[in-house]
Amino acid sequence: MAMFWLDHVNIRTAKLDDMSAFYENILGLPRGKRPSFGFGGAWHYCGKQAVVHLVETSKTFKAEEAHIEHFAFRSNGSLKTFQKKMRDTDTPYKVGPLTEINMIQVNVFDPDGNKVEVQFAASEADTETFGGSAAARRRLRKGESRNVTRAMPLAKSKSKIARTNKKVGVPNPIKPPKKRFVPS
């Protein structure tokens, strides 16, 4: 299994409109299509790739909480092989299908508690979660404790950005990568 590229960074914010304006107007990453999640947010693109995912929260964070909720890699490998490797190395994971864009997300936490999302094209339907040993479950809880501020439900959002996402549209379903990006 190979990781093909760093897909995106997911940032939680209680200031969705300001953050979205910053990434679009200051950094030049235009807002674009986003799946119809049940919470507010915005995706900002670098070319055809949504590289910054903003998630609206209802409150500011405690000092020990992570603002970067996760970073994600796109993989071309077998989901079942990856899951077996996680089980063999006692690495707990959670699986989240995102059927609207043909994706399966596998979320793991590194030893420092940083959340890493590994994306697969949804060609396999294995959505089994793995808890692992007591030590692995402690690592999972440590990572989850750094991300306790949840996304704001879309119905409660006061953000102009969140209310206009439907007009922007939904991205096309993903396909397994065929070629790995190699810088020249």
C-alpha atoms as a PDB file:
ATOM      1  CA  MET A   1       0.000   0.000   0.000  1.00  0.00           C
ATOM      2  CA  ALA A   2       1.277   3.450  -0.852  1.00  0.00           C
ATOM      3  CA  MET A   3       0.266   6.879   0.328  1.00  0.00           C
ATOM      4  CA  PHE A   4      -0.120   8.926  -2.827  1.00  0.00           C
ATOM      5  CA  TRP A   5      -0.313  12.460  -1.491  1.00  0.00           C
ATOM      6  CA  LEU A   6      -1.186  14.643   1.441  1.00  0.00           C
ATOM      7  CA  ASP A   7      -4.833  15.248   0.662  1.00  0.00           C
ATOM      8  CA  HIS A   8      -5.903  17.987   3.064  1.00  0.00           C
ATOM      9  CA  VAL A   9      -5.702  19.568   6.511  1.00  0.00           C
ATOM     10  CA  ASN A  10      -8.911  19.831   8.562  1.00  0.00           C
ATOM     11  CA  ILE A  11      -9.122  22.887  10.834  1.00  0.00           C
ATOM     12  CA  ARG A  12     -11.836  23.502  13.419  1.00  0.00           C
ATOM     13  CA  THR A  13     -12.957  27.100  13.948  1.00  0.00           C
ATOM     14  CA  ALA A  14     -15.575  29.147  15.756  1.00  0.00           C
ATOM     15  CA  LYS A  15     -14.944  31.913  13.147  1.00  0.00           C
ATOM     16  CA  LEU A  16     -15.948  30.184   9.909  1.00  0.00           C
ATOM     17  CA  ASP A  17     -16.671  33.314   7.856  1.00  0.00           C
ATOM     18  CA  ASP A  18     -13.393  35.005   8.878  1.00  0.00           C
ATOM     19  CA  MET A  19     -11.328  31.844   8.329  1.00  0.00           C
ATOM     20  CA  SER A  20     -12.924  31.171   4.955  1.00  0.00           C
ATOM     21  CA  ALA A  21     -12.261  34.766   3.874  1.00  0.00           C
ATOM     22  CA  PHE A  22      -8.614  34.430   4.976  1.00  0.00           C
ATOM     23  CA  TYR A  23      -7.972  31.259   2.978  1.00  0.00           C
ATOM     24  CA  GLU A  24      -9.784  32.629  -0.067  1.00  0.00           C
ATOM     25  CA  ASN A  25      -8.819  36.310  -0.094  1.00  0.00           C
ATOM     26  CA  ILE A  26      -5.392  36.279   1.572  1.00  0.00           C
ATOM     27  CA  LEU A  27      -3.950  32.900   0.538  1.00  0.00           C
ATOM     28  CA  GLY A  28      -5.803  32.707  -2.788  1.00  0.00           C
ATOM     29  CA  LEU A  29      -7.458  29.325  -2.154  1.00  0.00           C
ATOM     30  CA  PRO A  30     -11.000  29.674  -3.539  1.00  0.00           C
ATOM     31  CA  ARG A  31     -13.928  28.110  -1.725  1.00  0.00           C
ATOM     32  CA  GLY A  32     -15.435  25.220  -3.633  1.00  0.00           C
ATOM     33  CA  LYS A  33     -17.574  22.121  -3.597  1.00  0.00           C
ATOM     34  CA  ARG A  34     -18.080  20.229  -0.330  1.00  0.00           C
ATOM     35  CA  PRO A  35     -20.106  17.127   0.586  1.00  0.00           C
ATOM     36  CA  SER A  36     -23.437  17.872   2.249  1.00  0.00           C
ATOM     37  CA  PHE A  37     -22.329  17.233   5.819  1.00  0.00           C
ATOM     38  CA  GLY A  38     -24.748  17.976   8.645  1.00  0.00           C
ATOM     39  CA  PHE A  39     -22.426  20.654  10.038  1.00  0.00           C
ATOM     40  CA  GLY A  40     -21.083  23.993   8.880  1.00  0.00           C
ATOM     41  CA  GLY A  41     -17.783  24.304   7.099  1.00  0.00           C
ATOM     42  CA  ALA A  42     -16.018  25.177   3.870  1.00  0.00           C
ATOM     43  CA  TRP A  43     -13.519  23.516   1.547  1.00  0.00           C
ATOM     44  CA  HIS A  44     -10.804  25.635  -0.041  1.00  0.00           C
ATOM     45  CA  TYR A  45      -9.055  24.520  -3.208  1.00  0.00           C
ATOM     46  CA  CYS A  46      -5.560  24.681  -4.633  1.00  0.00           C
ATOM     47  CA  GLY A  47      -6.263  23.943  -8.282  1.00  0.00           C
ATOM     48  CA  LYS A  48      -8.615  20.960  -8.382  1.00  0.00           C
ATOM     49  CA  GLN A  49      -7.706  19.726  -4.897  1.00  0.00           C
ATOM     50  CA  ALA A  50      -9.582  20.729  -1.718  1.00  0.00           C
ATOM     51  CA  VAL A  51      -6.549  21.238   0.533  1.00  0.00           C
ATOM     52  CA  VAL A  52      -8.052  23.085   3.514  1.00  0.00           C
ATOM     53  CA  HIS A  53     -11.233  21.774   5.112  1.00  0.00           C
ATOM     54  CA  LEU A  54     -12.756  24.146   7.653  1.00  0.00           C
ATOM     55  CA  VAL A  55     -15.240  22.790  10.225  1.00  0.00           C
ATOM     56  CA  GLU A  56     -17.417  25.202  12.151  1.00  0.00           C
ATOM     57  CA  THR A  57     -17.591  24.776  15.921  1.00  0.00           C
ATOM     58  CA  SER A  58     -19.862  26.500  18.384  1.00  0.00           C
ATOM     59  CA  LYS A  59     -17.187  27.592  20.841  1.00  0.00           C
ATOM     60  CA  THR A  60     -13.543  28.391  21.178  1.00  0.00           C
ATOM     61  CA  PHE A  61     -11.098  25.733  22.304  1.00  0.00           C
ATOM     62  CA  LYS A  62      -9.371  24.869  25.519  1.00  0.00           C
ATOM     63  CA  ALA A  63      -5.616  25.460  25.383  1.00  0.00           C
ATOM     64  CA  GLU A  64      -4.847  21.721  25.267  1.00  0.00           C
ATOM     65  CA  GLU A  65      -7.211  21.050  22.360  1.00  0.00           C
ATOM     66  CA  ALA A  66      -6.015  20.726  18.798  1.00  0.00           C
ATOM     67  CA  HIS A  67      -7.270  23.244  16.242  1.00  0.00           C
ATOM     68  CA  ILE A  68      -5.990  21.118  13.397  1.00  0.00           C
ATOM     69  CA  GLU A  69      -8.463  18.298  13.819  1.00  0.00           C
ATOM     70  CA  HIS A  70      -6.657  15.967  11.396  1.00  0.00           C
ATOM     71  CA  PHE A  71      -4.600  15.710   8.242  1.00  0.00           C
ATOM     72  CA  ALA A  72      -5.386  13.216   5.504  1.00  0.00           C
ATOM     73  CA  PHE A  73      -3.499  11.054   3.041  1.00  0.00           C
ATOM     74  CA  ARG A  74      -4.919   9.478  -0.131  1.00  0.00           C
ATOM     75  CA  SER A  75      -4.017   5.825  -0.585  1.00  0.00           C
ATOM     76  CA  ASN A  76      -4.277   3.496  -3.537  1.00  0.00           C
ATOM     77  CA  GLY A  77      -3.869   0.310  -1.531  1.00  0.00           C
ATOM     78  CA  SER A  78      -6.272  -2.295  -0.292  1.00  0.00           C
ATOM     79  CA  LEU A  79      -8.459  -1.191   2.595  1.00  0.00           C
ATOM     80  CA  LYS A  80      -8.487  -4.743   3.977  1.00  0.00           C
ATOM     81  CA  THR A  81      -4.672  -4.935   3.852  1.00  0.00           C
ATOM     82  CA  PHE A  82      -4.401  -1.604   5.668  1.00  0.00           C
ATOM     83  CA  GLN A  83      -6.882  -2.735   8.323  1.00  0.00           C
ATOM     84  CA  LYS A  84      -4.950  -5.982   8.808  1.00  0.00           C
ATOM     85  CA  LYS A  85      -1.730  -3.996   9.278  1.00  0.00           C
ATOM     86  CA  MET A  86      -3.433  -1.798  11.873  1.00  0.00           C
ATOM     87  CA  ARG A  87      -4.686  -4.867  13.763  1.00  0.00           C
ATOM     88  CA  ASP A  88      -1.300  -6.649  13.504  1.00  0.00           C
ATOM     89  CA  THR A  89       0.464  -3.590  14.955  1.00  0.00           C
ATOM     90  CA  ASP A  90      -2.222  -3.011  17.623  1.00  0.00           C
ATOM     91  CA  THR A  91      -3.128   0.365  16.134  1.00  0.00           C
ATOM     92  CA  PRO A  92      -6.751   1.258  16.865  1.00  0.00           C
ATOM     93  CA  TYR A  93      -8.797   2.794  14.077  1.00  0.00           C
ATOM     94  CA  LYS A  94     -12.279   3.976  13.251  1.00  0.00           C
ATOM     95  CA  VAL A  95     -13.840   3.729   9.818  1.00  0.00           C
ATOM     96  CA  GLY A  96     -16.195   6.256   8.278  1.00  0.00           C
ATOM     97  CA  PRO A  97     -17.806   5.715   4.898  1.00  0.00           C
ATOM     98  CA  LEU A  98     -18.543   8.864   2.898  1.00  0.00           C
ATOM     99  CA  THR A  99     -20.744   7.328   0.223  1.00  0.00           C
ATOM    100  CA  GLU A 100     -21.688  10.646  -1.396  1.00  0.00           C
ATOM    101  CA  ILE A 101     -18.149  10.902  -2.800  1.00  0.00           C
ATOM    102  CA  ASN A 102     -17.268   7.162  -2.931  1.00  0.00           C
ATOM    103  CA  MET A 103     -14.779   7.299  -0.053  1.00  0.00           C
ATOM    104  CA  ILE A 104     -13.914   5.276   3.007  1.00  0.00           C
ATOM    105  CA  GLN A 105     -11.982   7.142   5.692  1.00  0.00           C
ATOM    106  CA  VAL A 106      -9.869   5.251   8.217  1.00  0.00           C
ATOM    107  CA  ASN A 107      -8.963   7.407  11.212  1.00  0.00           C
ATOM    108  CA  VAL A 108      -5.969   6.526  13.394  1.00  0.00           C
ATOM    109  CA  PHE A 109      -4.040   8.432  16.064  1.00  0.00           C
ATOM    110  CA  ASP A 110      -0.263   8.652  16.079  1.00  0.00           C
ATOM    111  CA  PRO A 111       1.650   8.133  19.352  1.00  0.00           C
ATOM    112  CA  ASP A 112       1.283  11.843  20.239  1.00  0.00           C
ATOM    113  CA  GLY A 113      -2.486  11.724  19.744  1.00  0.00           C
ATOM    114  CA  ASN A 114      -2.605  13.467  16.342  1.00  0.00           C
ATOM    115  CA  LYS A 115      -5.462  12.239  14.181  1.00  0.00           C
ATOM    116  CA  VAL A 116      -4.489  10.936  10.736  1.00  0.00           C
ATOM    117  CA  GLU A 117      -7.125  10.134   8.119  1.00  0.00           C
ATOM    118  CA  VAL A 118      -6.254   7.628   5.396  1.00  0.00           C
ATOM    119  CA  GLN A 119      -8.636   7.709   2.425  1.00  0.00           C
ATOM    120  CA  PHE A 120      -9.575   4.822   0.157  1.00  0.00           C
ATOM    121  CA  ALA A 121     -11.914   4.670  -2.809  1.00  0.00           C
ATOM    122  CA  ALA A 122     -15.004   2.874  -1.537  1.00  0.00           C
ATOM    123  CA  SER A 123     -14.519  -0.325  -3.496  1.00  0.00           C
ATOM    124  CA  GLU A 124     -14.657  -2.446  -0.362  1.00  0.00           C
ATOM    125  CA  ALA A 125     -17.435  -2.349   2.204  1.00  0.00           C
ATOM    126  CA  ASP A 126     -15.429  -3.196   5.330  1.00  0.00           C
ATOM    127  CA  THR A 127     -16.403  -0.592   7.898  1.00  0.00           C
ATOM    128  CA  GLU A 128     -15.204  -2.534  10.910  1.00  0.00           C
ATOM    129  CA  THR A 129     -13.703  -0.464  13.721  1.00  0.00           C
ATOM    130  CA  PHE A 130     -10.757  -1.883  15.699  1.00  0.00           C
ATOM    131  CA  GLY A 131     -10.117  -0.989  19.336  1.00  0.00           C
ATOM    132  CA  GLY A 132      -6.954  -2.966  20.001  1.00  0.00           C
ATOM    133  CA  SER A 133      -5.302  -3.721  23.307  1.00  0.00           C
ATOM    134  CA  ALA A 134      -5.740  -1.681  26.492  1.00  0.00           C
ATOM    135  CA  ALA A 135      -2.653   0.376  25.562  1.00  0.00           C
ATOM    136  CA  ALA A 136      -4.032   0.993  22.066  1.00  0.00           C
ATOM    137  CA  ARG A 137      -7.407   2.055  23.477  1.00  0.00           C
ATOM    138  CA  ARG A 138      -5.608   4.523  25.792  1.00  0.00           C
ATOM    139  CA  ARG A 139      -3.887   6.040  22.742  1.00  0.00           C
ATOM    140  CA  LEU A 140      -7.248   6.294  20.994  1.00  0.00           C
ATOM    141  CA  ARG A 141      -8.799   8.030  24.031  1.00  0.00           C
ATOM    142  CA  LYS A 142      -5.793  10.398  24.266  1.00  0.00           C
ATOM    143  CA  GLY A 143      -6.270  11.434  20.647  1.00  0.00           C
ATOM    144  CA  GLU A 144     -10.017  11.806  21.034  1.00  0.00           C
ATOM    145  CA  SER A 145      -9.499  13.956  24.153  1.00  0.00           C
ATOM    146  CA  ARG A 146      -7.581  16.485  22.021  1.00  0.00           C
ATOM    147  CA  ASN A 147     -10.653  16.844  19.805  1.00  0.00           C
ATOM    148  CA  VAL A 148     -13.600  17.235  22.187  1.00  0.00           C
ATOM    149  CA  THR A 149     -15.078  20.410  20.663  1.00  0.00           C
ATOM    150  CA  ARG A 150     -17.547  19.071  18.135  1.00  0.00           C
ATOM    151  CA  ALA A 151     -18.702  20.488  14.838  1.00  0.00           C
ATOM    152  CA  MET A 152     -21.675  22.832  15.024  1.00  0.00           C
ATOM    153  CA  PRO A 153     -24.869  21.343  13.562  1.00  0.00           C
ATOM    154  CA  LEU A 154     -25.740  23.075  10.318  1.00  0.00           C
ATOM    155  CA  ALA A 155     -29.193  24.010  11.635  1.00  0.00           C
ATOM    156  CA  LYS A 156     -27.571  26.136  14.383  1.00  0.00           C
ATOM    157  CA  SER A 157     -25.002  27.855  12.178  1.00  0.00           C
ATOM    158  CA  LYS A 158     -25.134  31.621  11.768  1.00  0.00           C
ATOM    159  CA  SER A 159     -22.334  31.571   9.176  1.00  0.00           C
ATOM    160  CA  LYS A 160     -23.043  32.950   5.697  1.00  0.00           C
ATOM    161  CA  ILE A 161     -20.521  30.460   4.314  1.00  0.00           C
ATOM    162  CA  ALA A 162     -22.243  27.433   5.890  1.00  0.00           C
ATOM    163  CA  ARG A 163     -25.666  28.527   4.616  1.00  0.00           C
ATOM    164  CA  THR A 164     -24.466  28.842   1.005  1.00  0.00           C
ATOM    165  CA  ASN A 165     -22.637  25.502   0.649  1.00  0.00           C
ATOM    166  CA  LYS A 166     -25.550  23.852  -1.195  1.00  0.00           C
ATOM    167  CA  LYS A 167     -25.251  26.476  -3.938  1.00  0.00           C
ATOM    168  CA  VAL A 168     -21.554  25.649  -4.371  1.00  0.00           C
ATOM    169  CA  GLY A 169     -22.279  21.941  -4.882  1.00  0.00           C
ATOM    170  CA  VAL A 170     -20.792  18.545  -4.024  1.00  0.00           C
ATOM    171  CA  PRO A 171     -17.427  17.275  -5.329  1.00  0.00           C
ATOM    172  CA  ASN A 172     -17.287  14.418  -7.810  1.00  0.00           C
ATOM    173  CA  PRO A 173     -16.823  10.913  -6.364  1.00  0.00           C
ATOM    174  CA  ILE A 174     -13.188   9.972  -5.835  1.00  0.00           C
ATOM    175  CA  LYS A 175     -11.366   7.298  -7.815  1.00  0.00           C
ATOM    176  CA  PRO A 176      -8.322   5.312  -6.705  1.00  0.00           C
ATOM    177  CA  PRO A 177      -5.153   7.202  -7.698  1.00  0.00           C
ATOM    178  CA  LYS A 178      -3.313   5.746 -10.676  1.00  0.00           C
ATOM    179  CA  LYS A 179      -0.085   7.668 -10.422  1.00  0.00           C
ATOM    180  CA  ARG A 180       1.875   8.937  -7.482  1.00  0.00           C
ATOM    181  CA  PHE A 181       2.909  12.604  -7.519  1.00  0.00           C
ATOM    182  CA  VAL A 182       6.688  12.902  -7.755  1.00  0.00           C
ATOM    183  CA  PRO A 183       8.174  16.400  -7.657  1.00  0.00           C
ATOM    184  CA  SER A 184      10.577  17.213 -10.469  1.00  0.00           C
END
